[in-house]
Amino acid sequence: METGQEKYDFLIVGSGFGGSVCALRLVEKGYRVALVEEGREYRDQDYAKTNWNLKRFLWLPRLGCHGIQRLQWFRGLLLLGGAGLGGGSLVYANTLFKPRPQVFKHKDWTQLVDWAKELEPHYETASRMLGRTTNPEIHPADEQLKRIGEAMGVADTFEPTEVGVYFGSPDEEVDPYFNGEGPLRKGCTYCGACMVGCRENAKNTLVKNYLYFARKKGVKIFSSTRARKLTWQHDGG
């Protein structure tokens, strides 16, 4: 791919979890990488304060809405996604579940490989990069879920959620994850706006980790840029 006078070995379309990880790992291997994202790049203070501010929360460009929550309708299906540099990480609920052991032992794939052993180092890498940790507080909504679980006879399935959030002091800026090589962060205030856009610099969106280092290592990022067509060239480009 060529952009003006620049040439790239890889062009990545989309900056969500897949695109961001690919961008970082490819540039670490020495490739020239460009990434395009249809949505804009946000600073923490740019997010809507409430999801009632539809123009700043929803992504429906034809209706003048240019926020982070993408809505796509298909036959019998409504798809929710992210729009903006960081993709779905901007708008998801931070949950980073790791499958229970029985999932890896399902009969449909146990004959292929020991998936728990195969994937464990990659879970460790993702957990480290995304700052996966246990939510230290239980709130009224959590208590209600626990009571519902007890009523349904599945009380043992209730547990604090594993999330990608920094729970340090909200009043102090530090780099809690990357020994001073990463961005400065502030602790969670429990405001509940994780899915509207974290204005507190506490949510571990991809902008705070994978994309941060991808850009630092040389990935060229084009936000507010839509990929309309991929054209195959005869020379293999």
C-alpha atoms as a PDB file:
ATOM      1  CA  MET A   1       0.000   0.000   0.000  1.00  0.00           C
ATOM      2  CA  GLU A   2       1.162   3.531  -0.777  1.00  0.00           C
ATOM      3  CA  THR A   3      -0.066   6.810   0.741  1.00  0.00           C
ATOM      4  CA  GLY A   4       1.560   9.753  -0.969  1.00  0.00           C
ATOM      5  CA  GLN A   5       5.281   8.997  -0.715  1.00  0.00           C
ATOM      6  CA  GLU A   6       4.871   6.449   2.094  1.00  0.00           C
ATOM      7  CA  LYS A   7       4.736   2.702   1.564  1.00  0.00           C
ATOM      8  CA  TYR A   8       3.336   0.137   4.009  1.00  0.00           C
ATOM      9  CA  ASP A   9       3.623  -3.612   4.298  1.00  0.00           C
ATOM     10  CA  PHE A  10       0.282  -3.920   6.074  1.00  0.00           C
ATOM     11  CA  LEU A  11      -2.882  -1.836   6.074  1.00  0.00           C
ATOM     12  CA  ILE A  12      -5.207  -2.608   8.982  1.00  0.00           C
ATOM     13  CA  VAL A  13      -8.856  -1.609   8.712  1.00  0.00           C
ATOM     14  CA  GLY A  14     -10.398  -0.952  12.119  1.00  0.00           C
ATOM     15  CA  SER A  15      -8.837  -0.184  15.489  1.00  0.00           C
ATOM     16  CA  GLY A  16     -10.750  -2.513  17.789  1.00  0.00           C
ATOM     17  CA  PHE A  17      -9.261  -5.434  19.701  1.00  0.00           C
ATOM     18  CA  GLY A  18      -8.193  -7.318  16.579  1.00  0.00           C
ATOM     19  CA  GLY A  19      -6.802  -4.362  14.664  1.00  0.00           C
ATOM     20  CA  SER A  20      -4.969  -2.823  17.612  1.00  0.00           C
ATOM     21  CA  VAL A  21      -3.231  -6.033  18.615  1.00  0.00           C
ATOM     22  CA  CYS A  22      -2.248  -6.752  14.998  1.00  0.00           C
ATOM     23  CA  ALA A  23      -0.864  -3.245  14.570  1.00  0.00           C
ATOM     24  CA  LEU A  24       1.387  -3.492  17.616  1.00  0.00           C
ATOM     25  CA  ARG A  25       2.641  -7.008  16.991  1.00  0.00           C
ATOM     26  CA  LEU A  26       3.367  -6.369  13.305  1.00  0.00           C
ATOM     27  CA  VAL A  27       5.313  -3.162  13.911  1.00  0.00           C
ATOM     28  CA  GLU A  28       7.282  -4.964  16.632  1.00  0.00           C
ATOM     29  CA  LYS A  29       8.363  -7.459  13.959  1.00  0.00           C
ATOM     30  CA  GLY A  30       9.730  -4.660  11.830  1.00  0.00           C
ATOM     31  CA  TYR A  31       6.907  -4.203   9.335  1.00  0.00           C
ATOM     32  CA  ARG A  32       5.687  -0.836   8.086  1.00  0.00           C
ATOM     33  CA  VAL A  33       2.093  -0.617   9.272  1.00  0.00           C
ATOM     34  CA  ALA A  34      -0.795   1.765   8.667  1.00  0.00           C
ATOM     35  CA  LEU A  35      -4.171   1.609  10.392  1.00  0.00           C
ATOM     36  CA  VAL A  36      -7.402   3.306   9.326  1.00  0.00           C
ATOM     37  CA  GLU A  37     -10.393   3.950  11.600  1.00  0.00           C
ATOM     38  CA  GLU A  38     -13.714   5.360  10.435  1.00  0.00           C
ATOM     39  CA  GLY A  39     -14.453   7.033  13.766  1.00  0.00           C
ATOM     40  CA  ARG A  40     -12.586   9.949  15.257  1.00  0.00           C
ATOM     41  CA  GLU A  41      -9.866  10.005  17.887  1.00  0.00           C
ATOM     42  CA  TYR A  42     -11.142  10.990  21.340  1.00  0.00           C
ATOM     43  CA  ARG A  43      -9.577  12.632  24.326  1.00  0.00           C
ATOM     44  CA  ASP A  44     -11.107  11.620  27.660  1.00  0.00           C
ATOM     45  CA  GLN A  45     -12.966  14.918  27.968  1.00  0.00           C
ATOM     46  CA  ASP A  46     -14.518  14.518  24.510  1.00  0.00           C
ATOM     47  CA  TYR A  47     -16.936  11.745  25.470  1.00  0.00           C
ATOM     48  CA  ALA A  48     -20.588  12.546  26.056  1.00  0.00           C
ATOM     49  CA  LYS A  49     -21.502  13.057  29.710  1.00  0.00           C
ATOM     50  CA  THR A  50     -24.737  11.120  29.183  1.00  0.00           C
ATOM     51  CA  ASN A  51     -26.102   8.751  26.560  1.00  0.00           C
ATOM     52  CA  TRP A  52     -29.074  11.093  26.209  1.00  0.00           C
ATOM     53  CA  ASN A  53     -26.706  13.306  24.242  1.00  0.00           C
ATOM     54  CA  LEU A  54     -27.406  11.236  21.145  1.00  0.00           C
ATOM     55  CA  LYS A  55     -25.300  13.263  18.725  1.00  0.00           C
ATOM     56  CA  ARG A  56     -22.191  12.714  20.837  1.00  0.00           C
ATOM     57  CA  PHE A  57     -23.003   9.155  21.914  1.00  0.00           C
ATOM     58  CA  LEU A  58     -24.427   7.313  18.890  1.00  0.00           C
ATOM     59  CA  TRP A  59     -22.654   6.666  15.606  1.00  0.00           C
ATOM     60  CA  LEU A  60     -25.301   7.311  12.951  1.00  0.00           C
ATOM     61  CA  PRO A  61     -23.584   9.720  10.535  1.00  0.00           C
ATOM     62  CA  ARG A  62     -26.577  10.011   8.223  1.00  0.00           C
ATOM     63  CA  LEU A  63     -28.540  11.419  11.150  1.00  0.00           C
ATOM     64  CA  GLY A  64     -25.752  13.738  12.262  1.00  0.00           C
ATOM     65  CA  CYS A  65     -24.637  11.515  15.153  1.00  0.00           C
ATOM     66  CA  HIS A  66     -20.875  10.999  15.461  1.00  0.00           C
ATOM     67  CA  GLY A  67     -20.375   9.290  18.828  1.00  0.00           C
ATOM     68  CA  ILE A  68     -18.819   5.994  19.924  1.00  0.00           C
ATOM     69  CA  GLN A  69     -21.847   3.645  19.951  1.00  0.00           C
ATOM     70  CA  ARG A  70     -22.314   2.101  16.516  1.00  0.00           C
ATOM     71  CA  LEU A  71     -25.694   0.561  15.658  1.00  0.00           C
ATOM     72  CA  GLN A  72     -26.084  -1.784  12.682  1.00  0.00           C
ATOM     73  CA  TRP A  73     -29.343  -3.449  11.708  1.00  0.00           C
ATOM     74  CA  PHE A  74     -29.521  -6.756   9.866  1.00  0.00           C
ATOM     75  CA  ARG A  75     -32.430  -9.084   9.253  1.00  0.00           C
ATOM     76  CA  GLY A  76     -33.395 -10.291  12.723  1.00  0.00           C
ATOM     77  CA  LEU A  77     -30.255  -8.862  14.289  1.00  0.00           C
ATOM     78  CA  LEU A  78     -29.126  -5.605  15.882  1.00  0.00           C
ATOM     79  CA  LEU A  79     -25.354  -5.309  16.175  1.00  0.00           C
ATOM     80  CA  LEU A  80     -23.777  -2.974  18.728  1.00  0.00           C
ATOM     81  CA  GLY A  81     -20.182  -1.948  18.147  1.00  0.00           C
ATOM     82  CA  GLY A  82     -17.716   0.836  18.713  1.00  0.00           C
ATOM     83  CA  ALA A  83     -16.814   3.780  16.495  1.00  0.00           C
ATOM     84  CA  GLY A  84     -13.672   5.745  17.189  1.00  0.00           C
ATOM     85  CA  LEU A  85      -9.988   5.068  17.658  1.00  0.00           C
ATOM     86  CA  GLY A  86     -10.052   2.090  20.006  1.00  0.00           C
ATOM     87  CA  GLY A  87     -13.166   0.519  18.501  1.00  0.00           C
ATOM     88  CA  GLY A  88     -15.365  -1.469  20.844  1.00  0.00           C
ATOM     89  CA  SER A  89     -13.048  -0.852  23.790  1.00  0.00           C
ATOM     90  CA  LEU A  90     -14.428   2.689  24.009  1.00  0.00           C
ATOM     91  CA  VAL A  91     -17.968   1.509  24.661  1.00  0.00           C
ATOM     92  CA  TYR A  92     -17.816  -2.021  26.092  1.00  0.00           C
ATOM     93  CA  ALA A  93     -18.406  -2.733  29.776  1.00  0.00           C
ATOM     94  CA  ASN A  94     -14.734  -3.548  30.555  1.00  0.00           C
ATOM     95  CA  THR A  95     -15.479  -7.203  31.259  1.00  0.00           C
ATOM     96  CA  LEU A  96     -12.577  -9.564  30.547  1.00  0.00           C
ATOM     97  CA  PHE A  97     -13.879 -13.033  31.250  1.00  0.00           C
ATOM     98  CA  LYS A  98     -11.623 -16.046  31.020  1.00  0.00           C
ATOM     99  CA  PRO A  99     -13.483 -19.280  30.186  1.00  0.00           C
ATOM    100  CA  ARG A 100     -13.960 -21.756  33.006  1.00  0.00           C
ATOM    101  CA  PRO A 101     -11.932 -25.007  32.785  1.00  0.00           C
ATOM    102  CA  GLN A 102     -14.910 -27.037  31.553  1.00  0.00           C
ATOM    103  CA  VAL A 103     -15.156 -24.859  28.452  1.00  0.00           C
ATOM    104  CA  PHE A 104     -11.702 -25.968  27.316  1.00  0.00           C
ATOM    105  CA  LYS A 105     -12.718 -29.605  27.879  1.00  0.00           C
ATOM    106  CA  HIS A 106     -15.770 -29.509  25.601  1.00  0.00           C
ATOM    107  CA  LYS A 107     -15.983 -32.630  23.435  1.00  0.00           C
ATOM    108  CA  ASP A 108     -16.145 -30.639  20.194  1.00  0.00           C
ATOM    109  CA  TRP A 109     -12.517 -29.513  20.415  1.00  0.00           C
ATOM    110  CA  THR A 110     -10.624 -31.454  23.091  1.00  0.00           C
ATOM    111  CA  GLN A 111      -9.252 -33.868  20.474  1.00  0.00           C
ATOM    112  CA  LEU A 112      -7.476 -31.046  18.644  1.00  0.00           C
ATOM    113  CA  VAL A 113      -5.113 -29.707  21.303  1.00  0.00           C
ATOM    114  CA  ASP A 114      -4.943 -28.962  25.020  1.00  0.00           C
ATOM    115  CA  TRP A 115      -6.537 -25.533  24.619  1.00  0.00           C
ATOM    116  CA  ALA A 116      -6.118 -24.481  28.242  1.00  0.00           C
ATOM    117  CA  LYS A 117      -2.356 -25.050  27.985  1.00  0.00           C
ATOM    118  CA  GLU A 118      -2.143 -23.647  24.455  1.00  0.00           C
ATOM    119  CA  LEU A 119      -3.943 -20.392  25.226  1.00  0.00           C
ATOM    120  CA  GLU A 120      -2.709 -19.708  28.764  1.00  0.00           C
ATOM    121  CA  PRO A 121       0.363 -17.633  27.763  1.00  0.00           C
ATOM    122  CA  HIS A 122      -1.811 -15.533  25.465  1.00  0.00           C
ATOM    123  CA  TYR A 123      -4.370 -14.946  28.203  1.00  0.00           C
ATOM    124  CA  GLU A 124      -1.502 -13.825  30.415  1.00  0.00           C
ATOM    125  CA  THR A 125      -0.255 -11.378  27.774  1.00  0.00           C
ATOM    126  CA  ALA A 126      -3.712  -9.952  27.142  1.00  0.00           C
ATOM    127  CA  SER A 127      -4.402  -9.662  30.871  1.00  0.00           C
ATOM    128  CA  ARG A 128      -1.153  -7.770  31.399  1.00  0.00           C
ATOM    129  CA  MET A 129      -1.673  -5.426  28.461  1.00  0.00           C
ATOM    130  CA  LEU A 130      -5.322  -4.710  29.278  1.00  0.00           C
ATOM    131  CA  GLY A 131      -4.805  -4.380  33.030  1.00  0.00           C
ATOM    132  CA  ARG A 132      -7.225  -7.175  33.910  1.00  0.00           C
ATOM    133  CA  THR A 133      -8.149  -7.117  37.596  1.00  0.00           C
ATOM    134  CA  THR A 134     -10.998  -8.008  39.944  1.00  0.00           C
ATOM    135  CA  ASN A 135     -13.544  -5.302  40.675  1.00  0.00           C
ATOM    136  CA  PRO A 136     -12.847  -4.567  44.367  1.00  0.00           C
ATOM    137  CA  GLU A 137     -16.341  -3.330  45.227  1.00  0.00           C
ATOM    138  CA  ILE A 138     -19.814  -4.860  45.365  1.00  0.00           C
ATOM    139  CA  HIS A 139     -22.679  -2.461  44.690  1.00  0.00           C
ATOM    140  CA  PRO A 140     -26.488  -2.771  45.080  1.00  0.00           C
ATOM    141  CA  ALA A 141     -26.939  -3.979  41.497  1.00  0.00           C
ATOM    142  CA  ASP A 142     -24.395  -6.736  42.148  1.00  0.00           C
ATOM    143  CA  GLU A 143     -26.225  -7.769  45.300  1.00  0.00           C
ATOM    144  CA  GLN A 144     -29.435  -8.023  43.302  1.00  0.00           C
ATOM    145  CA  LEU A 145     -27.766 -10.301  40.760  1.00  0.00           C
ATOM    146  CA  LYS A 146     -26.487 -12.447  43.606  1.00  0.00           C
ATOM    147  CA  ARG A 147     -30.002 -12.791  45.038  1.00  0.00           C
ATOM    148  CA  ILE A 148     -31.364 -13.718  41.618  1.00  0.00           C
ATOM    149  CA  GLY A 149     -28.671 -16.377  41.290  1.00  0.00           C
ATOM    150  CA  GLU A 150     -29.606 -17.790  44.684  1.00  0.00           C
ATOM    151  CA  ALA A 151     -33.273 -17.886  43.702  1.00  0.00           C
ATOM    152  CA  MET A 152     -32.384 -19.762  40.513  1.00  0.00           C
ATOM    153  CA  GLY A 153     -30.167 -22.231  42.357  1.00  0.00           C
ATOM    154  CA  VAL A 154     -26.939 -21.040  40.741  1.00  0.00           C
ATOM    155  CA  ALA A 155     -25.525 -18.937  43.571  1.00  0.00           C
ATOM    156  CA  ASP A 156     -22.078 -20.451  42.996  1.00  0.00           C
ATOM    157  CA  THR A 157     -21.838 -18.651  39.644  1.00  0.00           C
ATOM    158  CA  PHE A 158     -21.819 -15.205  41.247  1.00  0.00           C
ATOM    159  CA  GLU A 159     -18.413 -13.622  41.664  1.00  0.00           C
ATOM    160  CA  PRO A 160     -16.818 -10.179  41.319  1.00  0.00           C
ATOM    161  CA  THR A 161     -16.186  -9.311  37.695  1.00  0.00           C
ATOM    162  CA  GLU A 162     -12.771  -9.341  36.052  1.00  0.00           C
ATOM    163  CA  VAL A 163     -12.428  -5.989  34.318  1.00  0.00           C
ATOM    164  CA  GLY A 164      -9.973  -3.765  32.479  1.00  0.00           C
ATOM    165  CA  VAL A 165     -10.033  -0.768  34.815  1.00  0.00           C
ATOM    166  CA  TYR A 166      -7.437   1.011  36.925  1.00  0.00           C
ATOM    167  CA  PHE A 167      -8.682   1.142  40.532  1.00  0.00           C
ATOM    168  CA  GLY A 168      -5.959   3.349  41.987  1.00  0.00           C
ATOM    169  CA  SER A 169      -6.362   6.838  43.417  1.00  0.00           C
ATOM    170  CA  PRO A 170      -8.584   9.161  41.333  1.00  0.00           C
ATOM    171  CA  ASP A 171      -6.521  12.105  42.567  1.00  0.00           C
ATOM    172  CA  GLU A 172      -3.092  10.973  41.400  1.00  0.00           C
ATOM    173  CA  GLU A 173      -1.676  10.433  37.903  1.00  0.00           C
ATOM    174  CA  VAL A 174       0.624   7.423  37.527  1.00  0.00           C
ATOM    175  CA  ASP A 175       1.592   4.790  34.987  1.00  0.00           C
ATOM    176  CA  PRO A 176       0.382   1.681  36.824  1.00  0.00           C
ATOM    177  CA  TYR A 177       1.118  -0.884  34.110  1.00  0.00           C
ATOM    178  CA  PHE A 178       4.195  -0.203  32.000  1.00  0.00           C
ATOM    179  CA  ASN A 179       6.988   0.996  34.313  1.00  0.00           C
ATOM    180  CA  GLY A 180       6.832   4.571  33.142  1.00  0.00           C
ATOM    181  CA  GLU A 181       6.725   3.705  29.435  1.00  0.00           C
ATOM    182  CA  GLY A 182       2.942   3.967  29.193  1.00  0.00           C
ATOM    183  CA  PRO A 183       0.422   6.797  29.550  1.00  0.00           C
ATOM    184  CA  LEU A 184      -0.401   8.434  32.878  1.00  0.00           C
ATOM    185  CA  ARG A 185      -3.656   7.232  34.407  1.00  0.00           C
ATOM    186  CA  LYS A 186      -6.123   8.060  37.184  1.00  0.00           C
ATOM    187  CA  GLY A 187      -8.204   5.710  39.300  1.00  0.00           C
ATOM    188  CA  CYS A 188     -11.852   4.775  38.806  1.00  0.00           C
ATOM    189  CA  THR A 189     -14.473   6.976  40.476  1.00  0.00           C
ATOM    190  CA  TYR A 190     -17.291   4.408  40.081  1.00  0.00           C
ATOM    191  CA  CYS A 191     -19.316   6.934  38.092  1.00  0.00           C
ATOM    192  CA  GLY A 192     -20.898   4.147  36.024  1.00  0.00           C
ATOM    193  CA  ALA A 193     -20.193   5.755  32.644  1.00  0.00           C
ATOM    194  CA  CYS A 194     -18.034   2.913  31.296  1.00  0.00           C
ATOM    195  CA  MET A 195     -20.358   2.360  28.337  1.00  0.00           C
ATOM    196  CA  VAL A 196     -20.841   6.051  27.573  1.00  0.00           C
ATOM    197  CA  GLY A 197     -17.126   6.834  27.422  1.00  0.00           C
ATOM    198  CA  CYS A 198     -14.775   7.063  30.396  1.00  0.00           C
ATOM    199  CA  ARG A 199     -13.959  10.707  31.095  1.00  0.00           C
ATOM    200  CA  GLU A 200     -11.899   9.796  34.194  1.00  0.00           C
ATOM    201  CA  ASN A 201      -8.873   8.214  32.444  1.00  0.00           C
ATOM    202  CA  ALA A 202      -9.510   4.977  34.355  1.00  0.00           C
ATOM    203  CA  LYS A 203     -10.881   2.615  31.710  1.00  0.00           C
ATOM    204  CA  ASN A 204      -8.213   0.536  29.996  1.00  0.00           C
ATOM    205  CA  THR A 205      -9.288   1.215  26.441  1.00  0.00           C
ATOM    206  CA  LEU A 206      -6.991   0.186  23.613  1.00  0.00           C
ATOM    207  CA  VAL A 207      -5.845   3.794  23.302  1.00  0.00           C
ATOM    208  CA  LYS A 208      -4.169   3.360  26.699  1.00  0.00           C
ATOM    209  CA  ASN A 209      -2.186   0.240  25.791  1.00  0.00           C
ATOM    210  CA  TYR A 210      -1.988  -1.536  22.421  1.00  0.00           C
ATOM    211  CA  LEU A 211      -2.626   1.549  20.276  1.00  0.00           C
ATOM    212  CA  TYR A 212      -0.472   3.726  22.512  1.00  0.00           C
ATOM    213  CA  PHE A 213       2.557   1.523  21.929  1.00  0.00           C
ATOM    214  CA  ALA A 214       1.724   0.813  18.286  1.00  0.00           C
ATOM    215  CA  ARG A 215       1.836   4.531  17.536  1.00  0.00           C
ATOM    216  CA  LYS A 216       4.949   4.977  19.685  1.00  0.00           C
ATOM    217  CA  LYS A 217       6.720   2.264  17.685  1.00  0.00           C
ATOM    218  CA  GLY A 218       5.836   3.781  14.324  1.00  0.00           C
ATOM    219  CA  VAL A 219       2.366   2.680  13.216  1.00  0.00           C
ATOM    220  CA  LYS A 220       0.744   5.409  11.117  1.00  0.00           C
ATOM    221  CA  ILE A 221      -2.845   5.938  12.270  1.00  0.00           C
ATOM    222  CA  PHE A 222      -5.509   7.547  10.095  1.00  0.00           C
ATOM    223  CA  SER A 223      -8.649   8.238  12.141  1.00  0.00           C
ATOM    224  CA  SER A 224     -11.847   9.663  10.623  1.00  0.00           C
ATOM    225  CA  THR A 225     -10.925   7.600   7.562  1.00  0.00           C
ATOM    226  CA  ARG A 226     -13.289   5.086   5.997  1.00  0.00           C
ATOM    227  CA  ALA A 227     -12.146   2.143   3.881  1.00  0.00           C
ATOM    228  CA  ARG A 228     -14.631   1.980   1.004  1.00  0.00           C
ATOM    229  CA  LYS A 229     -12.983  -0.507  -1.309  1.00  0.00           C
ATOM    230  CA  LEU A 230     -10.083  -2.956  -1.432  1.00  0.00           C
ATOM    231  CA  THR A 231      -8.534  -3.345  -4.884  1.00  0.00           C
ATOM    232  CA  TRP A 232      -6.305  -6.264  -5.855  1.00  0.00           C
ATOM    233  CA  GLN A 233      -3.325  -5.258  -7.972  1.00  0.00           C
ATOM    234  CA  HIS A 234      -1.739  -7.575 -10.520  1.00  0.00           C
ATOM    235  CA  ASP A 235       1.683  -7.216  -8.917  1.00  0.00           C
ATOM    236  CA  GLY A 236       0.308  -8.698  -5.717  1.00  0.00           C
ATOM    237  CA  GLY A 237      -0.221  -5.407  -3.911  1.00  0.00           C
END
